[in-house]
N, C-alpha and C. Protein backbone atom coordinates (compact mmCIF):
# COMPACT_ATOMS: atom_id res chain seq x y z
N MET A 1 76.32 98.20 128.74
CA MET A 1 75.56 97.48 127.71
C MET A 1 76.19 97.72 126.34
N PHE A 2 75.81 96.90 125.36
CA PHE A 2 76.37 97.04 124.03
C PHE A 2 75.52 97.96 123.15
N GLY A 3 74.68 98.76 123.79
CA GLY A 3 73.90 99.73 123.03
C GLY A 3 72.43 99.36 122.95
N LYS A 4 71.58 100.35 123.08
CA LYS A 4 70.14 100.11 123.06
C LYS A 4 69.67 99.57 121.72
N ASN A 5 70.42 99.89 120.66
CA ASN A 5 70.01 99.47 119.32
C ASN A 5 70.64 98.14 118.89
N ALA A 6 71.36 97.50 119.82
CA ALA A 6 71.99 96.22 119.48
C ALA A 6 70.91 95.17 119.17
N LYS A 7 71.12 94.46 118.08
CA LYS A 7 70.18 93.42 117.67
C LYS A 7 70.91 92.10 117.48
N VAL A 8 70.28 91.05 117.93
CA VAL A 8 70.84 89.72 117.75
C VAL A 8 70.80 89.36 116.26
N ASP A 9 71.94 88.93 115.74
CA ASP A 9 72.04 88.45 114.36
C ASP A 9 71.65 86.97 114.40
N ILE A 10 70.45 86.66 113.96
CA ILE A 10 69.90 85.31 114.11
C ILE A 10 70.76 84.26 113.43
N GLU A 11 71.20 84.55 112.21
CA GLU A 11 72.01 83.58 111.49
C GLU A 11 73.36 83.36 112.17
N PHE A 12 73.98 84.45 112.60
CA PHE A 12 75.27 84.34 113.27
C PHE A 12 75.11 83.63 114.61
N ASN A 13 74.06 83.95 115.32
CA ASN A 13 73.79 83.31 116.60
C ASN A 13 73.62 81.81 116.43
N ARG A 14 72.92 81.42 115.38
CA ARG A 14 72.71 80.00 115.10
C ARG A 14 74.04 79.31 114.77
N ALA A 15 74.89 80.01 114.00
CA ALA A 15 76.19 79.44 113.63
C ALA A 15 77.07 79.23 114.86
N VAL A 16 77.03 80.18 115.79
CA VAL A 16 77.83 80.06 117.01
C VAL A 16 77.29 78.92 117.88
N GLU A 17 75.98 78.78 117.93
CA GLU A 17 75.39 77.67 118.69
C GLU A 17 75.85 76.33 118.12
N GLN A 18 75.91 76.24 116.80
CA GLN A 18 76.36 74.99 116.16
C GLN A 18 77.83 74.74 116.48
N LEU A 19 78.63 75.80 116.48
CA LEU A 19 80.04 75.66 116.82
C LEU A 19 80.19 75.13 118.24
N ILE A 20 79.45 75.70 119.17
CA ILE A 20 79.52 75.28 120.57
C ILE A 20 79.15 73.80 120.71
N LYS A 21 78.14 73.36 119.98
CA LYS A 21 77.68 71.98 120.06
C LYS A 21 78.74 70.98 119.64
N THR A 22 79.66 71.41 118.77
CA THR A 22 80.71 70.49 118.32
C THR A 22 81.66 70.14 119.46
N GLY A 23 81.60 70.92 120.54
CA GLY A 23 82.44 70.63 121.70
C GLY A 23 81.89 69.53 122.59
N GLY A 24 80.68 69.07 122.29
CA GLY A 24 80.07 68.00 123.08
C GLY A 24 79.72 68.46 124.48
N LYS A 25 79.43 67.49 125.33
CA LYS A 25 79.05 67.80 126.71
C LYS A 25 80.19 68.48 127.48
N GLU A 26 81.43 68.14 127.10
CA GLU A 26 82.58 68.72 127.80
C GLU A 26 82.84 70.16 127.38
N ARG A 27 82.26 70.57 126.25
CA ARG A 27 82.47 71.92 125.70
C ARG A 27 83.96 72.22 125.50
N ILE A 28 84.64 71.27 124.86
CA ILE A 28 86.04 71.45 124.52
C ILE A 28 86.15 71.41 123.00
N LEU A 29 86.60 72.51 122.42
CA LEU A 29 86.69 72.62 120.97
C LEU A 29 88.12 72.42 120.49
N PRO A 30 88.29 71.93 119.26
CA PRO A 30 89.64 71.86 118.70
C PRO A 30 90.17 73.27 118.47
N ILE A 31 91.47 73.45 118.67
CA ILE A 31 92.10 74.75 118.50
C ILE A 31 92.71 74.85 117.11
N VAL A 32 92.31 75.88 116.39
CA VAL A 32 92.76 76.11 115.01
C VAL A 32 94.27 76.34 115.00
N GLN A 33 94.96 75.73 114.03
CA GLN A 33 96.41 75.85 113.94
C GLN A 33 96.85 76.79 112.81
N ALA A 34 98.07 77.30 112.94
CA ALA A 34 98.64 78.23 111.96
C ALA A 34 98.46 77.70 110.54
N GLY A 35 98.08 78.57 109.65
CA GLY A 35 97.79 78.21 108.26
C GLY A 35 96.32 78.36 107.94
N GLU A 36 95.47 78.32 108.96
CA GLU A 36 94.04 78.53 108.75
C GLU A 36 93.78 80.03 108.55
N PRO A 37 93.05 80.41 107.49
CA PRO A 37 92.82 81.82 107.18
C PRO A 37 92.21 82.63 108.32
N VAL A 38 91.37 82.01 109.15
CA VAL A 38 90.70 82.76 110.21
C VAL A 38 91.70 83.41 111.16
N LEU A 39 92.88 82.82 111.29
CA LEU A 39 93.89 83.38 112.19
C LEU A 39 94.55 84.62 111.62
N ARG A 40 94.32 84.88 110.34
CA ARG A 40 94.97 86.01 109.67
C ARG A 40 93.99 87.10 109.26
N GLN A 41 92.78 87.00 109.71
CA GLN A 41 91.75 87.97 109.31
C GLN A 41 91.40 88.90 110.45
N GLU A 42 91.12 90.15 110.11
CA GLU A 42 90.64 91.12 111.11
C GLU A 42 89.28 90.64 111.62
N THR A 43 89.12 90.65 112.92
CA THR A 43 87.87 90.15 113.49
C THR A 43 86.76 91.19 113.45
N MET A 44 85.55 90.71 113.55
CA MET A 44 84.37 91.57 113.59
C MET A 44 84.17 92.07 115.02
N PRO A 45 84.04 93.38 115.22
CA PRO A 45 83.77 93.88 116.57
C PRO A 45 82.48 93.29 117.12
N TYR A 46 82.47 93.04 118.42
CA TYR A 46 81.24 92.54 119.03
C TYR A 46 80.36 93.71 119.41
N ALA A 47 79.10 93.67 118.95
CA ALA A 47 78.16 94.76 119.21
C ALA A 47 76.79 94.23 119.61
N GLY A 48 76.78 93.04 120.24
CA GLY A 48 75.51 92.47 120.68
C GLY A 48 74.88 91.53 119.68
N GLN A 49 75.69 90.96 118.76
CA GLN A 49 75.14 90.08 117.73
C GLN A 49 74.60 88.77 118.29
N LEU A 50 75.05 88.39 119.50
CA LEU A 50 74.63 87.13 120.09
C LEU A 50 73.63 87.37 121.22
N SER A 51 72.73 86.41 121.42
CA SER A 51 71.87 86.47 122.59
C SER A 51 72.74 86.29 123.83
N ARG A 52 72.28 86.77 124.96
CA ARG A 52 73.09 86.64 126.17
C ARG A 52 73.33 85.17 126.51
N LYS A 53 72.34 84.34 126.27
CA LYS A 53 72.49 82.91 126.54
C LYS A 53 73.61 82.31 125.70
N THR A 54 73.63 82.66 124.41
CA THR A 54 74.66 82.12 123.52
C THR A 54 76.02 82.69 123.87
N LEU A 55 76.08 83.98 124.19
CA LEU A 55 77.35 84.60 124.58
C LEU A 55 77.92 83.91 125.81
N ASP A 56 77.09 83.66 126.80
CA ASP A 56 77.55 83.00 128.02
C ASP A 56 78.07 81.59 127.73
N LYS A 57 77.37 80.87 126.85
CA LYS A 57 77.82 79.52 126.49
C LYS A 57 79.14 79.57 125.74
N LEU A 58 79.29 80.57 124.87
CA LEU A 58 80.54 80.72 124.12
C LEU A 58 81.69 80.99 125.07
N ILE A 59 81.49 81.90 126.01
CA ILE A 59 82.54 82.23 126.98
C ILE A 59 82.92 81.00 127.80
N ASP A 60 81.91 80.26 128.26
CA ASP A 60 82.17 79.06 129.05
C ASP A 60 82.94 78.02 128.23
N THR A 61 82.58 77.86 126.97
CA THR A 61 83.25 76.90 126.10
C THR A 61 84.69 77.30 125.85
N MET A 62 84.92 78.59 125.61
CA MET A 62 86.28 79.07 125.39
C MET A 62 87.13 78.91 126.64
N HIS A 63 86.56 79.20 127.79
CA HIS A 63 87.29 79.07 129.05
C HIS A 63 87.67 77.61 129.30
N THR A 64 86.72 76.72 129.11
CA THR A 64 86.97 75.29 129.30
C THR A 64 88.04 74.79 128.33
N THR A 65 87.95 75.20 127.08
CA THR A 65 88.91 74.80 126.05
C THR A 65 90.30 75.31 126.40
N MET A 66 90.39 76.56 126.86
CA MET A 66 91.67 77.15 127.23
C MET A 66 92.33 76.38 128.37
N LEU A 67 91.56 76.09 129.41
CA LEU A 67 92.11 75.39 130.56
C LEU A 67 92.54 73.97 130.21
N GLU A 68 91.79 73.32 129.34
CA GLU A 68 92.09 71.94 128.95
C GLU A 68 93.37 71.88 128.13
N ALA A 69 93.70 72.94 127.39
CA ALA A 69 94.80 72.90 126.42
C ALA A 69 96.17 72.46 126.97
N PRO A 70 96.73 72.98 128.06
CA PRO A 70 96.28 74.14 128.84
C PRO A 70 96.92 75.42 128.32
N GLY A 71 96.25 76.54 128.56
CA GLY A 71 96.77 77.83 128.16
C GLY A 71 96.35 78.91 129.13
N VAL A 72 96.84 80.13 128.89
CA VAL A 72 96.50 81.27 129.75
C VAL A 72 95.67 82.30 129.00
N GLY A 73 95.35 82.00 127.76
CA GLY A 73 94.51 82.88 126.96
C GLY A 73 94.02 82.15 125.74
N LEU A 74 92.87 82.57 125.23
CA LEU A 74 92.32 81.97 124.01
C LEU A 74 91.45 83.01 123.32
N ALA A 75 91.78 83.28 122.07
CA ALA A 75 91.01 84.22 121.26
C ALA A 75 89.96 83.45 120.44
N ALA A 76 88.88 84.14 120.11
CA ALA A 76 87.80 83.49 119.36
C ALA A 76 88.31 82.94 118.02
N THR A 77 89.27 83.61 117.41
CA THR A 77 89.81 83.13 116.14
C THR A 77 90.42 81.73 116.29
N GLN A 78 90.89 81.41 117.49
CA GLN A 78 91.54 80.13 117.71
C GLN A 78 90.57 78.96 117.78
N ILE A 79 89.28 79.27 117.83
CA ILE A 79 88.28 78.22 117.69
C ILE A 79 87.52 78.39 116.38
N GLY A 80 88.10 79.21 115.49
CA GLY A 80 87.54 79.38 114.16
C GLY A 80 86.47 80.44 114.03
N LEU A 81 86.38 81.35 115.01
CA LEU A 81 85.33 82.36 115.03
C LEU A 81 85.94 83.75 114.92
N GLY A 82 85.61 84.46 113.86
CA GLY A 82 86.19 85.77 113.61
C GLY A 82 85.50 86.89 114.36
N LEU A 83 85.52 86.81 115.68
CA LEU A 83 84.84 87.76 116.54
C LEU A 83 85.84 88.33 117.54
N ALA A 84 85.75 89.62 117.83
CA ALA A 84 86.71 90.30 118.70
C ALA A 84 86.44 90.00 120.17
N LEU A 85 86.77 88.79 120.56
CA LEU A 85 86.52 88.32 121.92
C LEU A 85 87.61 87.33 122.30
N ALA A 86 88.08 87.42 123.53
CA ALA A 86 89.07 86.47 124.03
C ALA A 86 88.85 86.27 125.52
N VAL A 87 89.41 85.19 126.04
CA VAL A 87 89.39 84.93 127.48
C VAL A 87 90.83 84.80 127.93
N VAL A 88 91.12 85.26 129.15
CA VAL A 88 92.48 85.20 129.70
C VAL A 88 92.39 84.80 131.17
N GLU A 89 93.43 84.11 131.63
CA GLU A 89 93.52 83.75 133.04
C GLU A 89 94.90 83.17 133.32
N ASP A 90 95.56 83.67 134.36
CA ASP A 90 96.85 83.12 134.75
C ASP A 90 97.03 83.33 136.25
N HIS A 91 97.89 82.51 136.83
CA HIS A 91 98.07 82.55 138.28
C HIS A 91 99.55 82.53 138.64
N VAL A 92 99.86 83.02 139.81
CA VAL A 92 101.23 83.12 140.29
C VAL A 92 101.85 81.74 140.43
N ARG A 93 103.11 81.60 139.99
CA ARG A 93 103.84 80.35 140.14
C ARG A 93 104.53 80.33 141.51
N ASP A 94 105.26 79.27 141.77
CA ASP A 94 105.95 79.12 143.05
C ASP A 94 107.16 80.04 143.19
N ASP A 95 107.80 80.37 142.07
CA ASP A 95 109.04 81.14 142.09
C ASP A 95 108.75 82.64 142.14
N GLU A 96 108.94 83.24 143.31
CA GLU A 96 108.67 84.66 143.47
C GLU A 96 109.70 85.53 142.76
N ASP A 97 110.87 84.97 142.45
CA ASP A 97 111.94 85.73 141.80
C ASP A 97 111.95 85.56 140.29
N ASP A 98 110.91 84.99 139.73
CA ASP A 98 110.83 84.79 138.29
C ASP A 98 110.94 86.15 137.58
N PRO A 99 111.94 86.33 136.72
CA PRO A 99 112.16 87.63 136.07
C PRO A 99 111.06 88.02 135.08
N ARG A 100 110.19 87.09 134.76
CA ARG A 100 109.09 87.42 133.83
C ARG A 100 107.99 88.23 134.51
N GLU A 101 108.10 88.41 135.82
CA GLU A 101 107.13 89.20 136.59
C GLU A 101 105.71 88.68 136.40
N ILE A 102 105.58 87.39 136.64
CA ILE A 102 104.28 86.74 136.57
C ILE A 102 103.46 87.19 137.78
N ALA A 103 102.26 87.65 137.53
CA ALA A 103 101.39 88.14 138.60
C ALA A 103 100.01 87.53 138.44
N GLU A 104 99.26 87.57 139.50
CA GLU A 104 97.90 87.03 139.46
C GLU A 104 97.08 87.78 138.41
N PHE A 105 96.48 87.03 137.51
CA PHE A 105 95.65 87.61 136.45
C PHE A 105 94.35 86.81 136.40
N PRO A 106 93.38 87.19 137.21
CA PRO A 106 92.15 86.40 137.31
C PRO A 106 91.40 86.34 135.98
N PHE A 107 90.48 85.41 135.90
CA PHE A 107 89.73 85.21 134.67
C PHE A 107 89.06 86.51 134.21
N HIS A 108 89.31 86.83 132.95
CA HIS A 108 88.68 88.00 132.32
C HIS A 108 88.10 87.57 130.97
N VAL A 109 86.99 88.17 130.61
CA VAL A 109 86.50 88.14 129.24
C VAL A 109 86.86 89.49 128.66
N ILE A 110 87.62 89.50 127.58
CA ILE A 110 88.00 90.79 126.97
C ILE A 110 87.36 90.88 125.58
N ILE A 111 86.44 91.80 125.46
CA ILE A 111 85.70 92.02 124.22
C ILE A 111 86.13 93.34 123.61
N ASN A 112 86.37 93.35 122.31
CA ASN A 112 86.84 94.53 121.58
C ASN A 112 88.06 95.16 122.27
N PRO A 113 89.07 94.35 122.60
CA PRO A 113 90.21 94.89 123.35
C PRO A 113 91.16 95.71 122.49
N SER A 114 91.90 96.58 123.16
CA SER A 114 92.97 97.34 122.52
C SER A 114 94.00 97.67 123.60
N TYR A 115 95.18 98.08 123.18
CA TYR A 115 96.20 98.46 124.15
C TYR A 115 97.15 99.47 123.53
N GLU A 116 97.85 100.19 124.40
CA GLU A 116 98.92 101.08 123.96
C GLU A 116 100.02 101.04 125.01
N PRO A 117 101.28 101.20 124.59
CA PRO A 117 102.38 101.10 125.54
C PRO A 117 102.42 102.28 126.50
N ILE A 118 102.91 102.00 127.70
CA ILE A 118 103.22 103.03 128.67
C ILE A 118 104.74 103.07 128.77
N GLY A 119 105.33 104.17 128.39
CA GLY A 119 106.78 104.25 128.37
C GLY A 119 107.37 103.47 127.20
N GLU A 120 108.67 103.19 127.30
CA GLU A 120 109.37 102.55 126.18
C GLU A 120 110.06 101.25 126.58
N GLU A 121 109.88 100.81 127.82
CA GLU A 121 110.54 99.59 128.26
C GLU A 121 109.91 98.35 127.63
N THR A 122 110.76 97.43 127.22
CA THR A 122 110.31 96.16 126.66
C THR A 122 111.03 95.02 127.38
N ARG A 123 110.51 93.82 127.21
CA ARG A 123 111.15 92.62 127.71
C ARG A 123 111.05 91.53 126.64
N SER A 124 112.08 90.70 126.58
CA SER A 124 112.11 89.61 125.61
C SER A 124 112.16 88.27 126.35
N PHE A 125 111.15 87.45 126.12
CA PHE A 125 111.08 86.12 126.74
C PHE A 125 110.54 85.12 125.73
N TYR A 126 110.78 83.85 126.01
CA TYR A 126 110.16 82.82 125.19
C TYR A 126 108.65 82.87 125.39
N GLU A 127 107.96 82.68 124.29
CA GLU A 127 106.50 82.76 124.28
C GLU A 127 105.98 81.66 123.37
N GLY A 128 104.82 81.10 123.71
CA GLY A 128 104.21 80.07 122.88
C GLY A 128 102.79 80.45 122.50
N CYS A 129 102.16 79.60 121.74
CA CYS A 129 100.79 79.86 121.28
C CYS A 129 100.09 78.53 121.04
N LEU A 130 98.87 78.43 121.49
CA LEU A 130 98.09 77.21 121.30
C LEU A 130 97.80 76.95 119.82
N SER A 131 97.92 77.98 118.99
CA SER A 131 97.70 77.81 117.55
C SER A 131 99.00 77.63 116.77
N PHE A 132 100.11 77.53 117.49
CA PHE A 132 101.40 77.21 116.89
C PHE A 132 102.01 76.16 117.80
N ASP A 133 101.29 75.07 117.89
CA ASP A 133 101.53 74.05 118.92
C ASP A 133 102.89 73.38 118.76
N GLY A 134 103.55 73.19 119.90
CA GLY A 134 104.80 72.44 119.90
C GLY A 134 106.06 73.26 119.77
N TYR A 135 105.92 74.59 119.65
CA TYR A 135 107.08 75.45 119.46
C TYR A 135 106.96 76.69 120.34
N GLN A 136 108.12 77.30 120.64
CA GLN A 136 108.16 78.59 121.30
C GLN A 136 109.30 79.40 120.70
N ALA A 137 109.20 80.72 120.83
CA ALA A 137 110.24 81.61 120.33
C ALA A 137 110.28 82.86 121.19
N VAL A 138 111.41 83.54 121.16
CA VAL A 138 111.56 84.77 121.93
C VAL A 138 110.82 85.90 121.24
N ARG A 139 109.99 86.58 122.00
CA ARG A 139 109.21 87.70 121.47
C ARG A 139 109.37 88.91 122.39
N LYS A 140 109.73 90.04 121.80
CA LYS A 140 109.83 91.29 122.55
C LYS A 140 108.43 91.90 122.68
N ARG A 141 108.10 92.32 123.90
CA ARG A 141 106.80 92.95 124.14
C ARG A 141 106.97 94.14 125.08
N TRP A 142 105.98 95.02 125.05
CA TRP A 142 105.96 96.15 125.98
C TRP A 142 105.85 95.64 127.40
N LEU A 143 106.61 96.25 128.31
CA LEU A 143 106.57 95.86 129.71
C LEU A 143 105.30 96.36 130.39
N ASP A 144 104.88 97.57 130.03
CA ASP A 144 103.68 98.18 130.62
C ASP A 144 102.75 98.66 129.51
N ILE A 145 101.48 98.42 129.69
CA ILE A 145 100.50 98.88 128.71
C ILE A 145 99.26 99.44 129.41
N THR A 146 98.55 100.27 128.69
CA THR A 146 97.18 100.62 129.06
C THR A 146 96.28 99.69 128.26
N ALA A 147 95.56 98.84 128.98
CA ALA A 147 94.67 97.87 128.34
C ALA A 147 93.23 98.37 128.42
N ARG A 148 92.51 98.25 127.33
CA ARG A 148 91.11 98.66 127.28
C ARG A 148 90.27 97.53 126.70
N TRP A 149 89.11 97.31 127.27
CA TRP A 149 88.22 96.26 126.78
C TRP A 149 86.83 96.45 127.36
N GLN A 150 85.90 95.67 126.82
CA GLN A 150 84.55 95.57 127.38
C GLN A 150 84.38 94.17 127.96
N ASP A 151 83.60 94.07 129.02
CA ASP A 151 83.31 92.74 129.56
C ASP A 151 82.03 92.21 128.94
N GLU A 152 81.57 91.05 129.43
CA GLU A 152 80.39 90.41 128.83
C GLU A 152 79.11 91.20 129.03
N ASP A 153 79.14 92.15 129.96
CA ASP A 153 77.97 93.01 130.17
C ASP A 153 78.05 94.30 129.36
N GLY A 154 79.14 94.46 128.63
CA GLY A 154 79.31 95.66 127.83
C GLY A 154 79.98 96.79 128.58
N LYS A 155 80.34 96.57 129.84
CA LYS A 155 80.99 97.60 130.63
C LYS A 155 82.42 97.81 130.14
N ARG A 156 82.82 99.07 130.02
CA ARG A 156 84.16 99.40 129.53
C ARG A 156 85.16 99.42 130.69
N HIS A 157 86.35 98.90 130.40
CA HIS A 157 87.41 98.85 131.41
C HIS A 157 88.68 99.45 130.83
N GLU A 158 89.46 100.05 131.71
CA GLU A 158 90.80 100.54 131.35
C GLU A 158 91.71 100.25 132.54
N GLU A 159 92.84 99.60 132.27
CA GLU A 159 93.71 99.17 133.37
C GLU A 159 95.17 99.19 132.94
N HIS A 160 96.03 99.55 133.86
CA HIS A 160 97.47 99.49 133.64
C HIS A 160 97.91 98.06 133.93
N LEU A 161 98.46 97.38 132.93
CA LEU A 161 98.97 96.02 133.11
C LEU A 161 100.48 96.03 132.98
N HIS A 162 101.12 95.20 133.80
CA HIS A 162 102.59 95.16 133.86
C HIS A 162 103.07 93.71 133.79
N GLY A 163 104.23 93.52 133.18
CA GLY A 163 104.86 92.21 133.19
C GLY A 163 104.11 91.16 132.40
N TRP A 164 103.96 89.97 133.01
CA TRP A 164 103.36 88.85 132.29
C TRP A 164 101.89 89.07 131.94
N PRO A 165 101.06 89.63 132.83
CA PRO A 165 99.68 89.93 132.42
C PRO A 165 99.62 90.85 131.20
N ALA A 166 100.54 91.82 131.13
CA ALA A 166 100.59 92.70 129.96
C ALA A 166 100.94 91.91 128.70
N ARG A 167 101.84 90.94 128.83
CA ARG A 167 102.22 90.10 127.68
C ARG A 167 101.03 89.27 127.21
N ILE A 168 100.31 88.68 128.14
CA ILE A 168 99.14 87.87 127.78
C ILE A 168 98.11 88.72 127.05
N PHE A 169 97.84 89.91 127.58
CA PHE A 169 96.84 90.77 126.97
C PHE A 169 97.26 91.17 125.56
N GLN A 170 98.54 91.51 125.38
CA GLN A 170 99.03 91.87 124.05
C GLN A 170 98.89 90.69 123.09
N HIS A 171 99.28 89.50 123.55
CA HIS A 171 99.23 88.30 122.71
C HIS A 171 97.80 88.04 122.21
N GLU A 172 96.83 88.06 123.12
CA GLU A 172 95.46 87.74 122.73
C GLU A 172 94.82 88.86 121.89
N THR A 173 95.13 90.10 122.21
CA THR A 173 94.59 91.21 121.43
C THR A 173 95.15 91.18 120.01
N ASP A 174 96.44 90.86 119.88
CA ASP A 174 97.03 90.76 118.55
C ASP A 174 96.34 89.69 117.71
N HIS A 175 95.95 88.58 118.34
CA HIS A 175 95.22 87.53 117.62
C HIS A 175 94.01 88.11 116.89
N LEU A 176 93.35 89.06 117.53
CA LEU A 176 92.08 89.57 116.99
C LEU A 176 92.28 90.54 115.82
N SER A 177 93.54 90.88 115.54
CA SER A 177 93.84 91.69 114.36
C SER A 177 94.58 90.87 113.31
N GLY A 178 94.60 89.55 113.51
CA GLY A 178 95.20 88.66 112.51
C GLY A 178 96.70 88.45 112.67
N GLU A 179 97.23 88.77 113.84
CA GLU A 179 98.67 88.61 114.07
C GLU A 179 98.94 87.41 114.97
N LEU A 180 100.00 86.66 114.65
CA LEU A 180 100.50 85.60 115.51
C LEU A 180 101.81 86.07 116.13
N TYR A 181 102.11 85.60 117.32
CA TYR A 181 103.31 86.06 118.01
C TYR A 181 104.57 85.82 117.20
N ILE A 182 104.56 84.76 116.39
CA ILE A 182 105.74 84.38 115.63
C ILE A 182 106.08 85.42 114.56
N ASP A 183 105.11 86.25 114.18
CA ASP A 183 105.34 87.27 113.14
C ASP A 183 106.47 88.21 113.50
N LYS A 184 106.60 88.53 114.79
CA LYS A 184 107.62 89.48 115.22
C LYS A 184 108.59 88.86 116.23
N ALA A 185 108.67 87.55 116.23
CA ALA A 185 109.58 86.85 117.14
C ALA A 185 110.99 86.79 116.54
N GLU A 186 111.94 86.47 117.40
CA GLU A 186 113.31 86.20 116.94
C GLU A 186 113.32 84.80 116.35
N ILE A 187 113.32 84.72 115.02
CA ILE A 187 113.16 83.42 114.36
C ILE A 187 114.28 82.45 114.71
N ARG A 188 115.49 82.95 114.92
CA ARG A 188 116.60 82.05 115.25
C ARG A 188 116.42 81.42 116.64
N SER A 189 115.52 81.99 117.44
CA SER A 189 115.27 81.43 118.77
C SER A 189 114.25 80.30 118.75
N LEU A 190 113.57 80.11 117.63
CA LEU A 190 112.49 79.12 117.54
C LEU A 190 112.97 77.74 117.98
N ALA A 191 112.23 77.16 118.93
CA ALA A 191 112.61 75.87 119.48
C ALA A 191 111.38 75.03 119.73
N THR A 192 111.54 73.72 119.63
CA THR A 192 110.45 72.86 120.05
C THR A 192 110.28 73.02 121.56
N THR A 193 109.08 72.78 122.04
CA THR A 193 108.83 72.89 123.47
C THR A 193 109.74 71.94 124.24
N GLU A 194 109.97 70.76 123.67
CA GLU A 194 110.83 69.77 124.32
C GLU A 194 112.27 70.29 124.44
N ASN A 195 112.81 70.86 123.36
CA ASN A 195 114.17 71.40 123.41
C ASN A 195 114.26 72.59 124.35
N LEU A 196 113.23 73.41 124.38
CA LEU A 196 113.23 74.56 125.27
C LEU A 196 113.33 74.10 126.73
N GLU A 197 112.57 73.09 127.06
CA GLU A 197 112.59 72.57 128.44
C GLU A 197 113.92 71.92 128.77
N ASP A 198 114.52 71.25 127.79
CA ASP A 198 115.78 70.55 128.04
C ASP A 198 116.98 71.49 128.09
N LEU A 199 116.95 72.53 127.24
CA LEU A 199 118.15 73.36 127.06
C LEU A 199 118.12 74.71 127.75
N TRP A 200 116.95 75.35 127.76
CA TRP A 200 116.93 76.75 128.17
C TRP A 200 115.97 77.06 129.33
N ALA A 201 115.34 76.07 129.91
CA ALA A 201 114.29 76.34 130.89
C ALA A 201 114.80 76.83 132.24
N GLU A 202 116.07 76.57 132.55
CA GLU A 202 116.57 76.92 133.88
C GLU A 202 116.58 78.43 134.11
N ASN A 203 116.85 79.19 133.07
CA ASN A 203 116.86 80.65 133.19
C ASN A 203 115.86 81.24 132.21
N PRO A 204 114.73 81.78 132.73
CA PRO A 204 113.71 82.35 131.84
C PRO A 204 114.22 83.48 130.95
N VAL A 205 115.25 84.21 131.42
CA VAL A 205 115.85 85.24 130.56
C VAL A 205 116.69 84.54 129.51
N PRO A 206 116.38 84.71 128.22
CA PRO A 206 117.02 83.86 127.19
C PRO A 206 118.41 84.31 126.77
N THR A 207 119.25 84.71 127.74
CA THR A 207 120.59 85.19 127.43
C THR A 207 121.44 84.10 126.79
N GLU A 208 121.45 82.91 127.42
CA GLU A 208 122.26 81.81 126.90
C GLU A 208 121.76 81.34 125.54
N ALA A 209 120.43 81.29 125.40
CA ALA A 209 119.86 80.90 124.10
C ALA A 209 120.28 81.88 123.01
N ALA A 210 120.31 83.17 123.33
CA ALA A 210 120.71 84.19 122.36
C ALA A 210 122.15 83.97 121.92
N GLU A 211 123.03 83.66 122.88
CA GLU A 211 124.44 83.45 122.56
C GLU A 211 124.63 82.19 121.71
N GLU A 212 123.95 81.12 122.09
CA GLU A 212 124.15 79.84 121.42
C GLU A 212 123.48 79.79 120.04
N LEU A 213 122.32 80.44 119.94
CA LEU A 213 121.55 80.34 118.69
C LEU A 213 121.81 81.52 117.75
N GLY A 214 122.43 82.57 118.27
CA GLY A 214 122.83 83.66 117.41
C GLY A 214 121.76 84.69 117.11
N PHE A 215 121.14 85.21 118.17
CA PHE A 215 120.19 86.33 117.96
C PHE A 215 120.40 87.35 119.07
N ASP A 216 119.94 88.56 118.81
CA ASP A 216 120.10 89.66 119.77
C ASP A 216 118.88 89.81 120.65
N LEU A 217 119.11 90.12 121.91
CA LEU A 217 118.01 90.43 122.82
C LEU A 217 117.72 91.93 122.79
């Protein structure tokens, strides 16, 4: 639970209800793009400010919006809400030899998440963001992390994440502290999604892109 003394913030709850309603019957919200201040602000920790009914509707709306985009994660800031909450979900692709180590990552609600690296190994791959639409860039991330979060019931979780699930968790958690992936990306690697698919998609390891575009892995 989020604490016996948790109280619903009536005004905030009403504001979130209004936000959800803007998604219509489909519950699909517009995704905030880079330049909006909400993406650069530290989020408010969740401590039970919403009624359970509103929280469930918010989670459902975020999940629907994420899948429609399509994406594998969506932070509350990306729908204009400065709350420490995100949803994540990804599934195994057809290529078992994909060097990005994509693994099954079932739907999770991650509330008040944090992480810390395990060891010192990193990996650099192209990464995108629904709030920086149309572009991708190479971003170095920890290969293994200890991920910590609360679920929608307030239960605390701690899990060792590896490979692509670890990257997703880092990406969404960083959103909640006002960071975008592009902040620490290799800027010379920045490419339109179209160019990335045409030029560099055959090998997920961006070795050739690094040589041609002039950046270090």
